[in-house]
Amino acid sequence: MVPDEIRRKRDELAMVACDHVNWCDDQRLNDENMPGVGPGGDINPYGWYVVGTTVGGNAVVVGIDDLGVYFADHEWCDDGTAEGVRRELIPLAPSIEEFRRNVIEIDVRLDEIG
């Protein structure tokens, strides 16, 4: 079950069009964060959730206790710890507001890394 706080963050992010992100609707939000689905199912136990997908199965993720917006590669490689998961995430913006304010630059960055 995806927490309401994550749904709220997804809704705020989805207010802006981002060429390289397909924001998850409610069904896809649940599907992308099911156990066994990467990277969502791998990072959920540590408080991170997929809220959008990019080309190639990569993801845009947010955390329960974190203000930032991050990129997660679908070829997930962490050490099975919360800190290991956090190290593997690539920062896109320090906050949702910054993401929305700089969506053009973030689109360019996603094109480079995703």
PDB file of N, CA and C in Angstrom:
ATOM      1  N   MET A   1       0.826  -1.183   0.000  1.00  0.00           N
ATOM      2  CA  MET A   1       0.000   0.000   0.000  1.00  0.00           C
ATOM      3  C   MET A   1       0.877   1.256   0.000  1.00  0.00           C
ATOM      4  N   VAL A   2       0.619   2.134  -0.927  1.00  0.00           N
ATOM      5  CA  VAL A   2       1.379   3.377  -1.029  1.00  0.00           C
ATOM      6  C   VAL A   2       0.782   4.397  -0.056  1.00  0.00           C
ATOM      7  N   PRO A   3       1.607   4.974   0.815  1.00  0.00           N
ATOM      8  CA  PRO A   3       1.104   5.936   1.798  1.00  0.00           C
ATOM      9  C   PRO A   3       0.496   7.190   1.149  1.00  0.00           C
ATOM     10  N   ASP A   4      -0.453   7.787   1.841  1.00  0.00           N
ATOM     11  CA  ASP A   4      -1.113   9.001   1.342  1.00  0.00           C
ATOM     12  C   ASP A   4      -0.125  10.130   1.107  1.00  0.00           C
ATOM     13  N   GLU A   5       0.910  10.240   1.944  1.00  0.00           N
ATOM     14  CA  GLU A   5       1.920  11.293   1.782  1.00  0.00           C
ATOM     15  C   GLU A   5       2.634  11.159   0.436  1.00  0.00           C
ATOM     16  N   ILE A   6       2.892   9.939   0.013  1.00  0.00           N
ATOM     17  CA  ILE A   6       3.540   9.713  -1.285  1.00  0.00           C
ATOM     18  C   ILE A   6       2.577  10.084  -2.413  1.00  0.00           C
ATOM     19  N   ARG A   7       1.311   9.738  -2.273  1.00  0.00           N
ATOM     20  CA  ARG A   7       0.308  10.130  -3.281  1.00  0.00           C
ATOM     21  C   ARG A   7       0.230  11.657  -3.402  1.00  0.00           C
ATOM     22  N   ARG A   8       0.299  12.343  -2.261  1.00  0.00           N
ATOM     23  CA  ARG A   8       0.264  13.808  -2.277  1.00  0.00           C
ATOM     24  C   ARG A   8       1.476  14.360  -3.022  1.00  0.00           C
ATOM     25  N   LYS A   9       2.657  13.800  -2.753  1.00  0.00           N
ATOM     26  CA  LYS A   9       3.865  14.247  -3.445  1.00  0.00           C
ATOM     27  C   LYS A   9       3.766  13.974  -4.942  1.00  0.00           C
ATOM     28  N   ARG A  10       3.264  12.804  -5.295  1.00  0.00           N
ATOM     29  CA  ARG A  10       3.080  12.483  -6.726  1.00  0.00           C
ATOM     30  C   ARG A  10       2.144  13.490  -7.383  1.00  0.00           C
ATOM     31  N   ASP A  11       1.052  13.827  -6.716  1.00  0.00           N
ATOM     32  CA  ASP A  11       0.093  14.790  -7.267  1.00  0.00           C
ATOM     33  C   ASP A  11       0.747  16.153  -7.496  1.00  0.00           C
ATOM     34  N   GLU A  12       1.575  16.594  -6.557  1.00  0.00           N
ATOM     35  CA  GLU A  12       2.269  17.875  -6.705  1.00  0.00           C
ATOM     36  C   GLU A  12       3.248  17.847  -7.877  1.00  0.00           C
ATOM     37  N   LEU A  13       3.971  16.754  -8.020  1.00  0.00           N
ATOM     38  CA  LEU A  13       4.919  16.634  -9.130  1.00  0.00           C
ATOM     39  C   LEU A  13       4.205  16.544 -10.468  1.00  0.00           C
ATOM     40  N   ALA A  14       3.104  15.836 -10.503  1.00  0.00           N
ATOM     41  CA  ALA A  14       2.388  15.608 -11.763  1.00  0.00           C
ATOM     42  C   ALA A  14       1.698  16.864 -12.293  1.00  0.00           C
ATOM     43  N   MET A  15       1.723  17.945 -11.531  1.00  0.00           N
ATOM     44  CA  MET A  15       1.142  19.204 -12.008  1.00  0.00           C
ATOM     45  C   MET A  15       1.953  19.813 -13.142  1.00  0.00           C
ATOM     46  N   VAL A  16       3.204  19.388 -13.273  1.00  0.00           N
ATOM     47  CA  VAL A  16       4.043  19.921 -14.341  1.00  0.00           C
ATOM     48  C   VAL A  16       4.336  18.829 -15.355  1.00  0.00           C
ATOM     49  N   ALA A  17       4.304  19.219 -16.611  1.00  0.00           N
ATOM     50  CA  ALA A  17       4.657  18.282 -17.671  1.00  0.00           C
ATOM     51  C   ALA A  17       6.173  18.162 -17.719  1.00  0.00           C
ATOM     52  N   CYS A  18       6.638  16.949 -17.758  1.00  0.00           N
ATOM     53  CA  CYS A  18       8.065  16.664 -17.838  1.00  0.00           C
ATOM     54  C   CYS A  18       8.219  15.675 -18.992  1.00  0.00           C
ATOM     55  N   ASP A  19       8.928  16.081 -20.044  1.00  0.00           N
ATOM     56  CA  ASP A  19       9.015  15.268 -21.260  1.00  0.00           C
ATOM     57  C   ASP A  19       9.531  13.863 -21.029  1.00  0.00           C
ATOM     58  N   HIS A  20      10.389  13.669 -20.029  1.00  0.00           N
ATOM     59  CA  HIS A  20      11.025  12.373 -19.822  1.00  0.00           C
ATOM     60  C   HIS A  20      10.426  11.565 -18.670  1.00  0.00           C
ATOM     61  N   VAL A  21       9.288  12.015 -18.136  1.00  0.00           N
ATOM     62  CA  VAL A  21       8.654  11.304 -17.027  1.00  0.00           C
ATOM     63  C   VAL A  21       7.192  11.050 -17.343  1.00  0.00           C
ATOM     64  N   ASN A  22       6.784   9.811 -17.154  1.00  0.00           N
ATOM     65  CA  ASN A  22       5.364   9.456 -17.201  1.00  0.00           C
ATOM     66  C   ASN A  22       4.928   9.304 -15.746  1.00  0.00           C
ATOM     67  N   TRP A  23       4.181  10.293 -15.254  1.00  0.00           N
ATOM     68  CA  TRP A  23       3.741  10.248 -13.857  1.00  0.00           C
ATOM     69  C   TRP A  23       2.762   9.111 -13.664  1.00  0.00           C
ATOM     70  N   CYS A  24       2.875   8.424 -12.566  1.00  0.00           N
ATOM     71  CA  CYS A  24       2.014   7.283 -12.263  1.00  0.00           C
ATOM     72  C   CYS A  24       0.612   7.746 -11.875  1.00  0.00           C
ATOM     73  N   ASP A  25      -0.401   7.142 -12.503  1.00  0.00           N
ATOM     74  CA  ASP A  25      -1.754   7.328 -11.996  1.00  0.00           C
ATOM     75  C   ASP A  25      -1.894   6.399 -10.794  1.00  0.00           C
ATOM     76  N   ASP A  26      -3.067   6.379 -10.164  1.00  0.00           N
ATOM     77  CA  ASP A  26      -3.216   5.569  -8.947  1.00  0.00           C
ATOM     78  C   ASP A  26      -2.913   4.094  -9.174  1.00  0.00           C
ATOM     79  N   GLN A  27      -3.358   3.530 -10.287  1.00  0.00           N
ATOM     80  CA  GLN A  27      -3.108   2.108 -10.540  1.00  0.00           C
ATOM     81  C   GLN A  27      -1.629   1.838 -10.765  1.00  0.00           C
ATOM     82  N   ARG A  28      -0.993   2.669 -11.598  1.00  0.00           N
ATOM     83  CA  ARG A  28       0.445   2.476 -11.853  1.00  0.00           C
ATOM     84  C   ARG A  28       1.283   2.730 -10.613  1.00  0.00           C
ATOM     85  N   LEU A  29       0.832   3.653  -9.761  1.00  0.00           N
ATOM     86  CA  LEU A  29       1.545   3.905  -8.509  1.00  0.00           C
ATOM     87  C   LEU A  29       1.587   2.631  -7.676  1.00  0.00           C
ATOM     88  N   ASN A  30       0.460   1.956  -7.591  1.00  0.00           N
ATOM     89  CA  ASN A  30       0.409   0.682  -6.866  1.00  0.00           C
ATOM     90  C   ASN A  30       1.250  -0.381  -7.566  1.00  0.00           C
ATOM     91  N   ASP A  31       1.131  -0.466  -8.890  1.00  0.00           N
ATOM     92  CA  ASP A  31       1.863  -1.487  -9.655  1.00  0.00           C
ATOM     93  C   ASP A  31       3.377  -1.312  -9.566  1.00  0.00           C
ATOM     94  N   GLU A  32       3.848  -0.075  -9.666  1.00  0.00           N
ATOM     95  CA  GLU A  32       5.292   0.192  -9.650  1.00  0.00           C
ATOM     96  C   GLU A  32       5.914  -0.041  -8.274  1.00  0.00           C
ATOM     97  N   ASN A  33       5.082  -0.090  -7.245  1.00  0.00           N
ATOM     98  CA  ASN A  33       5.587  -0.230  -5.884  1.00  0.00           C
ATOM     99  C   ASN A  33       5.204  -1.553  -5.240  1.00  0.00           C
ATOM    100  N   MET A  34       4.921  -2.555  -6.065  1.00  0.00           N
ATOM    101  CA  MET A  34       4.612  -3.895  -5.560  1.00  0.00           C
ATOM    102  C   MET A  34       5.899  -4.637  -5.214  1.00  0.00           C
ATOM    103  N   PRO A  35       5.831  -5.529  -4.247  1.00  0.00           N
ATOM    104  CA  PRO A  35       7.005  -6.368  -3.968  1.00  0.00           C
ATOM    105  C   PRO A  35       7.426  -7.123  -5.234  1.00  0.00           C
ATOM    106  N   GLY A  36       8.720  -7.174  -5.481  1.00  0.00           N
ATOM    107  CA  GLY A  36       9.236  -7.887  -6.637  1.00  0.00           C
ATOM    108  C   GLY A  36       9.387  -7.037  -7.885  1.00  0.00           C
ATOM    109  N   VAL A  37       8.836  -5.824  -7.876  1.00  0.00           N
ATOM    110  CA  VAL A  37       8.951  -4.926  -9.023  1.00  0.00           C
ATOM    111  C   VAL A  37      10.116  -3.975  -8.748  1.00  0.00           C
ATOM    112  N   GLY A  38      11.052  -3.886  -9.695  1.00  0.00           N
ATOM    113  CA  GLY A  38      12.199  -3.010  -9.495  1.00  0.00           C
ATOM    114  C   GLY A  38      12.057  -1.706 -10.247  1.00  0.00           C
ATOM    115  N   PRO A  39      12.526  -0.609  -9.703  1.00  0.00           N
ATOM    116  CA  PRO A  39      13.158  -0.546  -8.402  1.00  0.00           C
ATOM    117  C   PRO A  39      12.177  -0.371  -7.237  1.00  0.00           C
ATOM    118  N   GLY A  40      10.895  -0.074  -7.516  1.00  0.00           N
ATOM    119  CA  GLY A  40       9.939   0.231  -6.455  1.00  0.00           C
ATOM    120  C   GLY A  40       9.891  -0.761  -5.315  1.00  0.00           C
ATOM    121  N   GLY A  41       9.673  -2.022  -5.636  1.00  0.00           N
ATOM    122  CA  GLY A  41       9.576  -3.034  -4.589  1.00  0.00           C
ATOM    123  C   GLY A  41      10.847  -3.208  -3.792  1.00  0.00           C
ATOM    124  N   ASP A  42      11.989  -2.840  -4.414  1.00  0.00           N
ATOM    125  CA  ASP A  42      13.279  -2.954  -3.732  1.00  0.00           C
ATOM    126  C   ASP A  42      13.519  -1.814  -2.745  1.00  0.00           C
ATOM    127  N   ILE A  43      12.968  -0.645  -3.046  1.00  0.00           N
ATOM    128  CA  ILE A  43      13.260   0.523  -2.213  1.00  0.00           C
ATOM    129  C   ILE A  43      12.153   0.865  -1.224  1.00  0.00           C
ATOM    130  N   ASN A  44      10.948   0.321  -1.428  1.00  0.00           N
ATOM    131  CA  ASN A  44       9.829   0.611  -0.522  1.00  0.00           C
ATOM    132  C   ASN A  44      10.126   0.293   0.939  1.00  0.00           C
ATOM    133  N   PRO A  45      10.788  -0.819   1.250  1.00  0.00           N
ATOM    134  CA  PRO A  45      11.050  -1.107   2.667  1.00  0.00           C
ATOM    135  C   PRO A  45      11.872  -0.025   3.370  1.00  0.00           C
ATOM    136  N   TYR A  46      12.534   0.826   2.583  1.00  0.00           N
ATOM    137  CA  TYR A  46      13.366   1.883   3.149  1.00  0.00           C
ATOM    138  C   TYR A  46      12.693   3.252   3.078  1.00  0.00           C
ATOM    139  N   GLY A  47      11.406   3.291   2.719  1.00  0.00           N
ATOM    140  CA  GLY A  47      10.655   4.544   2.714  1.00  0.00           C
ATOM    141  C   GLY A  47      10.670   5.325   1.424  1.00  0.00           C
ATOM    142  N   TRP A  48      11.118   4.697   0.325  1.00  0.00           N
ATOM    143  CA  TRP A  48      11.170   5.359  -0.987  1.00  0.00           C
ATOM    144  C   TRP A  48      10.130   4.741  -1.906  1.00  0.00           C
ATOM    145  N   TYR A  49       9.537   5.561  -2.793  1.00  0.00           N
ATOM    146  CA  TYR A  49       8.471   5.091  -3.675  1.00  0.00           C
ATOM    147  C   TYR A  49       8.616   5.685  -5.070  1.00  0.00           C
ATOM    148  N   VAL A  50       8.318   4.868  -6.083  1.00  0.00           N
ATOM    149  CA  VAL A  50       8.298   5.320  -7.469  1.00  0.00           C
ATOM    150  C   VAL A  50       7.023   6.127  -7.686  1.00  0.00           C
ATOM    151  N   VAL A  51       7.181   7.346  -8.238  1.00  0.00           N
ATOM    152  CA  VAL A  51       6.014   8.184  -8.550  1.00  0.00           C
ATOM    153  C   VAL A  51       5.917   8.469 -10.045  1.00  0.00           C
ATOM    154  N   GLY A  52       6.956   8.106 -10.793  1.00  0.00           N
ATOM    155  CA  GLY A  52       6.957   8.288 -12.238  1.00  0.00           C
ATOM    156  C   GLY A  52       8.002   7.394 -12.861  1.00  0.00           C
ATOM    157  N   THR A  53       7.825   7.092 -14.137  1.00  0.00           N
ATOM    158  CA  THR A  53       8.786   6.246 -14.833  1.00  0.00           C
ATOM    159  C   THR A  53       9.383   6.998 -16.021  1.00  0.00           C
ATOM    160  N   THR A  54      10.588   6.566 -16.396  1.00  0.00           N
ATOM    161  CA  THR A  54      11.272   7.148 -17.543  1.00  0.00           C
ATOM    162  C   THR A  54      11.511   6.030 -18.555  1.00  0.00           C
ATOM    163  N   VAL A  55      12.102   6.396 -19.657  1.00  0.00           N
ATOM    164  CA  VAL A  55      12.403   5.406 -20.690  1.00  0.00           C
ATOM    165  C   VAL A  55      13.300   4.322 -20.109  1.00  0.00           C
ATOM    166  N   GLY A  56      13.068   3.093 -20.470  1.00  0.00           N
ATOM    167  CA  GLY A  56      13.939   1.999 -20.064  1.00  0.00           C
ATOM    168  C   GLY A  56      13.670   1.433 -18.686  1.00  0.00           C
ATOM    169  N   GLY A  57      12.552   1.788 -18.087  1.00  0.00           N
ATOM    170  CA  GLY A  57      12.211   1.215 -16.792  1.00  0.00           C
ATOM    171  C   GLY A  57      12.832   1.902 -15.599  1.00  0.00           C
ATOM    172  N   ASN A  58      13.440   3.056 -15.817  1.00  0.00           N
ATOM    173  CA  ASN A  58      13.997   3.822 -14.713  1.00  0.00           C
ATOM    174  C   ASN A  58      12.875   4.582 -14.023  1.00  0.00           C
ATOM    175  N   ALA A  59      13.173   5.222 -12.904  1.00  0.00           N
ATOM    176  CA  ALA A  59      12.092   5.816 -12.128  1.00  0.00           C
ATOM    177  C   ALA A  59      12.471   7.140 -11.482  1.00  0.00           C
ATOM    178  N   VAL A  60      11.439   7.932 -11.234  1.00  0.00           N
ATOM    179  CA  VAL A  60      11.542   9.121 -10.399  1.00  0.00           C
ATOM    180  C   VAL A  60      10.936   8.714  -9.066  1.00  0.00           C
ATOM    181  N   VAL A  61      11.671   8.948  -7.978  1.00  0.00           N
ATOM    182  CA  VAL A  61      11.230   8.487  -6.671  1.00  0.00           C
ATOM    183  C   VAL A  61      11.257   9.620  -5.649  1.00  0.00           C
ATOM    184  N   VAL A  62      10.419   9.452  -4.639  1.00  0.00           N
ATOM    185  CA  VAL A  62      10.388  10.357  -3.489  1.00  0.00           C
ATOM    186  C   VAL A  62      10.369   9.502  -2.233  1.00  0.00           C
ATOM    187  N   GLY A  63      10.730  10.123  -1.128  1.00  0.00           N
ATOM    188  CA  GLY A  63      10.764   9.407   0.134  1.00  0.00           C
ATOM    189  C   GLY A  63       9.765   9.947   1.128  1.00  0.00           C
ATOM    190  N   ILE A  64       9.421   9.097   2.064  1.00  0.00           N
ATOM    191  CA  ILE A  64       8.515   9.492   3.140  1.00  0.00           C
ATOM    192  C   ILE A  64       9.132  10.625   3.957  1.00  0.00           C
ATOM    193  N   ASP A  65      10.387  10.483   4.354  1.00  0.00           N
ATOM    194  CA  ASP A  65      11.043  11.422   5.262  1.00  0.00           C
ATOM    195  C   ASP A  65      12.068  12.301   4.567  1.00  0.00           C
ATOM    196  N   ASP A  66      11.904  12.535   3.282  1.00  0.00           N
ATOM    197  CA  ASP A  66      12.867  13.313   2.519  1.00  0.00           C
ATOM    198  C   ASP A  66      12.113  14.301   1.639  1.00  0.00           C
ATOM    199  N   LEU A  67      12.595  15.506   1.517  1.00  0.00           N
ATOM    200  CA  LEU A  67      11.935  16.532   0.713  1.00  0.00           C
ATOM    201  C   LEU A  67      12.282  16.455  -0.762  1.00  0.00           C
ATOM    202  N   GLY A  68      13.373  15.760  -1.111  1.00  0.00           N
ATOM    203  CA  GLY A  68      13.895  15.771  -2.464  1.00  0.00           C
ATOM    204  C   GLY A  68      13.170  14.860  -3.442  1.00  0.00           C
ATOM    205  N   VAL A  69      13.593  15.006  -4.701  1.00  0.00           N
ATOM    206  CA  VAL A  69      13.104  14.182  -5.811  1.00  0.00           C
ATOM    207  C   VAL A  69      14.342  13.536  -6.426  1.00  0.00           C
ATOM    208  N   TYR A  70      14.268  12.233  -6.679  1.00  0.00           N
ATOM    209  CA  TYR A  70      15.441  11.464  -7.087  1.00  0.00           C
ATOM    210  C   TYR A  70      15.168  10.592  -8.303  1.00  0.00           C
ATOM    211  N   PHE A  71      16.260  10.169  -8.938  1.00  0.00           N
ATOM    212  CA  PHE A  71      16.231   9.224 -10.054  1.00  0.00           C
ATOM    213  C   PHE A  71      16.750   7.892  -9.548  1.00  0.00           C
ATOM    214  N   ALA A  72      16.086   6.813  -9.935  1.00  0.00           N
ATOM    215  CA  ALA A  72      16.542   5.465  -9.596  1.00  0.00           C
ATOM    216  C   ALA A  72      16.646   4.643 -10.875  1.00  0.00           C
ATOM    217  N   ASP A  73      17.802   4.089 -11.102  1.00  0.00           N
ATOM    218  CA  ASP A  73      18.026   3.219 -12.255  1.00  0.00           C
ATOM    219  C   ASP A  73      17.320   1.888 -12.016  1.00  0.00           C
ATOM    220  N   HIS A  74      16.787   1.293 -13.071  1.00  0.00           N
ATOM    221  CA  HIS A  74      16.088   0.010 -12.909  1.00  0.00           C
ATOM    222  C   HIS A  74      17.056  -1.135 -12.599  1.00  0.00           C
ATOM    223  N   GLU A  75      18.327  -0.950 -12.900  1.00  0.00           N
ATOM    224  CA  GLU A  75      19.335  -1.954 -12.543  1.00  0.00           C
ATOM    225  C   GLU A  75      19.853  -1.612 -11.162  1.00  0.00           C
ATOM    226  N   TRP A  76      19.054  -1.933 -10.186  1.00  0.00           N
ATOM    227  CA  TRP A  76      19.280  -1.532  -8.810  1.00  0.00           C
ATOM    228  C   TRP A  76      20.429  -2.304  -8.191  1.00  0.00           C
ATOM    229  N   CYS A  77      21.287  -1.606  -7.480  1.00  0.00           N
ATOM    230  CA  CYS A  77      22.414  -2.250  -6.819  1.00  0.00           C
ATOM    231  C   CYS A  77      22.675  -1.526  -5.509  1.00  0.00           C
ATOM    232  N   ASP A  78      22.162  -2.085  -4.411  1.00  0.00           N
ATOM    233  CA  ASP A  78      22.424  -1.485  -3.114  1.00  0.00           C
ATOM    234  C   ASP A  78      22.917  -2.574  -2.183  1.00  0.00           C
ATOM    235  N   ASP A  79      23.284  -2.188  -0.979  1.00  0.00           N
ATOM    236  CA  ASP A  79      23.832  -3.164  -0.041  1.00  0.00           C
ATOM    237  C   ASP A  79      22.797  -3.695   0.951  1.00  0.00           C
ATOM    238  N   GLY A  80      21.527  -3.433   0.698  1.00  0.00           N
ATOM    239  CA  GLY A  80      20.479  -3.941   1.577  1.00  0.00           C
ATOM    240  C   GLY A  80      20.277  -3.133   2.843  1.00  0.00           C
ATOM    241  N   THR A  81      20.785  -1.904   2.833  1.00  0.00           N
ATOM    242  CA  THR A  81      20.593  -1.025   3.985  1.00  0.00           C
ATOM    243  C   THR A  81      19.937   0.271   3.526  1.00  0.00           C
ATOM    244  N   ALA A  82      19.343   0.989   4.466  1.00  0.00           N
ATOM    245  CA  ALA A  82      18.724   2.274   4.134  1.00  0.00           C
ATOM    246  C   ALA A  82      19.760   3.238   3.561  1.00  0.00           C
ATOM    247  N   GLU A  83      20.942   3.271   4.146  1.00  0.00           N
ATOM    248  CA  GLU A  83      21.995   4.149   3.649  1.00  0.00           C
ATOM    249  C   GLU A  83      22.464   3.724   2.260  1.00  0.00           C
ATOM    250  N   GLY A  84      22.532   2.427   2.022  1.00  0.00           N
ATOM    251  CA  GLY A  84      22.908   1.928   0.704  1.00  0.00           C
ATOM    252  C   GLY A  84      21.907   2.332  -0.362  1.00  0.00           C
ATOM    253  N   VAL A  85      20.640   2.269  -0.038  1.00  0.00           N
ATOM    254  CA  VAL A  85      19.594   2.704  -0.970  1.00  0.00           C
ATOM    255  C   VAL A  85      19.755   4.190  -1.254  1.00  0.00           C
ATOM    256  N   ARG A  86      19.924   4.968  -0.218  1.00  0.00           N
ATOM    257  CA  ARG A  86      20.053   6.419  -0.376  1.00  0.00           C
ATOM    258  C   ARG A  86      21.243   6.783  -1.256  1.00  0.00           C
ATOM    259  N   ARG A  87      22.354   6.069  -1.114  1.00  0.00           N
ATOM    260  CA  ARG A  87      23.549   6.341  -1.931  1.00  0.00           C
ATOM    261  C   ARG A  87      23.309   6.061  -3.406  1.00  0.00           C
ATOM    262  N   GLU A  88      22.446   5.114  -3.725  1.00  0.00           N
ATOM    263  CA  GLU A  88      22.201   4.746  -5.118  1.00  0.00           C
ATOM    264  C   GLU A  88      21.260   5.704  -5.847  1.00  0.00           C
ATOM    265  N   LEU A  89      20.512   6.489  -5.095  1.00  0.00           N
ATOM    266  CA  LEU A  89      19.590   7.446  -5.709  1.00  0.00           C
ATOM    267  C   LEU A  89      20.356   8.662  -6.224  1.00  0.00           C
ATOM    268  N   ILE A  90      19.964   9.138  -7.402  1.00  0.00           N
ATOM    269  CA  ILE A  90      20.604  10.311  -7.998  1.00  0.00           C
ATOM    270  C   ILE A  90      19.694  11.516  -7.760  1.00  0.00           C
ATOM    271  N   PRO A  91      20.172  12.534  -7.055  1.00  0.00           N
ATOM    272  CA  PRO A  91      19.332  13.707  -6.769  1.00  0.00           C
ATOM    273  C   PRO A  91      18.953  14.460  -8.046  1.00  0.00           C
ATOM    274  N   LEU A  92      17.678  14.781  -8.156  1.00  0.00           N
ATOM    275  CA  LEU A  92      17.194  15.621  -9.253  1.00  0.00           C
ATOM    276  C   LEU A  92      16.881  17.025  -8.760  1.00  0.00           C
ATOM    277  N   ALA A  93      16.299  17.119  -7.574  1.00  0.00           N
ATOM    278  CA  ALA A  93      15.952  18.420  -6.995  1.00  0.00           C
ATOM    279  C   ALA A  93      15.848  18.267  -5.482  1.00  0.00           C
ATOM    280  N   PRO A  94      16.218  19.306  -4.733  1.00  0.00           N
ATOM    281  CA  PRO A  94      16.160  19.219  -3.273  1.00  0.00           C
ATOM    282  C   PRO A  94      14.741  19.267  -2.708  1.00  0.00           C
ATOM    283  N   SER A  95      13.782  19.660  -3.556  1.00  0.00           N
ATOM    284  CA  SER A  95      12.383  19.716  -3.123  1.00  0.00           C
ATOM    285  C   SER A  95      11.467  19.612  -4.333  1.00  0.00           C
ATOM    286  N   ILE A  96      10.212  19.334  -4.065  1.00  0.00           N
ATOM    287  CA  ILE A  96       9.218  19.297  -5.144  1.00  0.00           C
ATOM    288  C   ILE A  96       9.094  20.667  -5.786  1.00  0.00           C
ATOM    289  N   GLU A  97       9.126  21.707  -4.978  1.00  0.00           N
ATOM    290  CA  GLU A  97       9.018  23.070  -5.501  1.00  0.00           C
ATOM    291  C   GLU A  97      10.164  23.376  -6.462  1.00  0.00           C
ATOM    292  N   GLU A  98      11.379  22.962  -6.095  1.00  0.00           N
ATOM    293  CA  GLU A  98      12.535  23.165  -6.978  1.00  0.00           C
ATOM    294  C   GLU A  98      12.398  22.349  -8.259  1.00  0.00           C
ATOM    295  N   PHE A  99      11.894  21.141  -8.148  1.00  0.00           N
ATOM    296  CA  PHE A  99      11.659  20.316  -9.331  1.00  0.00           C
ATOM    297  C   PHE A  99      10.709  21.041 -10.277  1.00  0.00           C
ATOM    298  N   ARG A 100       9.605  21.509  -9.742  1.00  0.00           N
ATOM    299  CA  ARG A 100       8.602  22.190 -10.566  1.00  0.00           C
ATOM    300  C   ARG A 100       9.151  23.481 -11.163  1.00  0.00           C
ATOM    301  N   ARG A 101       9.969  24.192 -10.414  1.00  0.00           N
ATOM    302  CA  ARG A 101      10.536  25.459 -10.877  1.00  0.00           C
ATOM    303  C   ARG A 101      11.590  25.241 -11.974  1.00  0.00           C
ATOM    304  N   ASN A 102      12.282  24.111 -11.930  1.00  0.00           N
ATOM    305  CA  ASN A 102      13.398  23.852 -12.855  1.00  0.00           C
ATOM    306  C   ASN A 102      13.155  22.660 -13.766  1.00  0.00           C
ATOM    307  N   VAL A 103      11.909  22.428 -14.136  1.00  0.00           N
ATOM    308  CA  VAL A 103      11.560  21.228 -14.889  1.00  0.00           C
ATOM    309  C   VAL A 103      12.292  21.140 -16.231  1.00  0.00           C
ATOM    310  N   ILE A 104      12.577  22.252 -16.873  1.00  0.00           N
ATOM    311  CA  ILE A 104      13.286  22.212 -18.161  1.00  0.00           C
ATOM    312  C   ILE A 104      14.705  21.673 -17.962  1.00  0.00           C
ATOM    313  N   GLU A 105      15.408  22.170 -16.946  1.00  0.00           N
ATOM    314  CA  GLU A 105      16.757  21.692 -16.659  1.00  0.00           C
ATOM    315  C   GLU A 105      16.742  20.226 -16.220  1.00  0.00           C
ATOM    316  N   ILE A 106      15.730  19.851 -15.487  1.00  0.00           N
ATOM    317  CA  ILE A 106      15.626  18.461 -15.029  1.00  0.00           C
ATOM    318  C   ILE A 106      15.349  17.537 -16.202  1.00  0.00           C
ATOM    319  N   ASP A 107      14.535  17.986 -17.158  1.00  0.00           N
ATOM    320  CA  ASP A 107      14.311  17.197 -18.373  1.00  0.00           C
ATOM    321  C   ASP A 107      15.630  16.936 -19.103  1.00  0.00           C
ATOM    322  N   VAL A 108      16.471  17.950 -19.189  1.00  0.00           N
ATOM    323  CA  VAL A 108      17.780  17.784 -19.833  1.00  0.00           C
ATOM    324  C   VAL A 108      18.613  16.777 -19.051  1.00  0.00           C
ATOM    325  N   ARG A 109      18.609  16.894 -17.746  1.00  0.00           N
ATOM    326  CA  ARG A 109      19.387  15.959 -16.907  1.00  0.00           C
ATOM    327  C   ARG A 109      18.879  14.527 -17.066  1.00  0.00           C
ATOM    328  N   LEU A 110      17.556  14.357 -17.089  1.00  0.00           N
ATOM    329  CA  LEU A 110      16.989  13.016 -17.266  1.00  0.00           C
ATOM    330  C   LEU A 110      17.351  12.444 -18.628  1.00  0.00           C
ATOM    331  N   ASP A 111      17.425  13.287 -19.634  1.00  0.00           N
ATOM    332  CA  ASP A 111      17.823  12.829 -20.961  1.00  0.00           C
ATOM    333  C   ASP A 111      19.263  12.330 -20.930  1.00  0.00           C
ATOM    334  N   GLU A 112      20.105  12.958 -20.131  1.00  0.00           N
ATOM    335  CA  GLU A 112      21.510  12.554 -20.021  1.00  0.00           C
ATOM    336  C   GLU A 112      21.685  11.260 -19.213  1.00  0.00           C
ATOM    337  N   ILE A 113      20.967  11.110 -18.106  1.00  0.00           N
ATOM    338  CA  ILE A 113      21.200   9.963 -17.228  1.00  0.00           C
ATOM    339  C   ILE A 113      20.229   8.822 -17.440  1.00  0.00           C
ATOM    340  N   GLY A 114      19.071   9.097 -18.029  1.00  0.00           N
ATOM    341  CA  GLY A 114      18.038   8.079 -18.117  1.00  0.00           C
ATOM    342  C   GLY A 114      17.977   7.401 -19.414  1.00  0.00           C
TER     343      GLY A 114
END
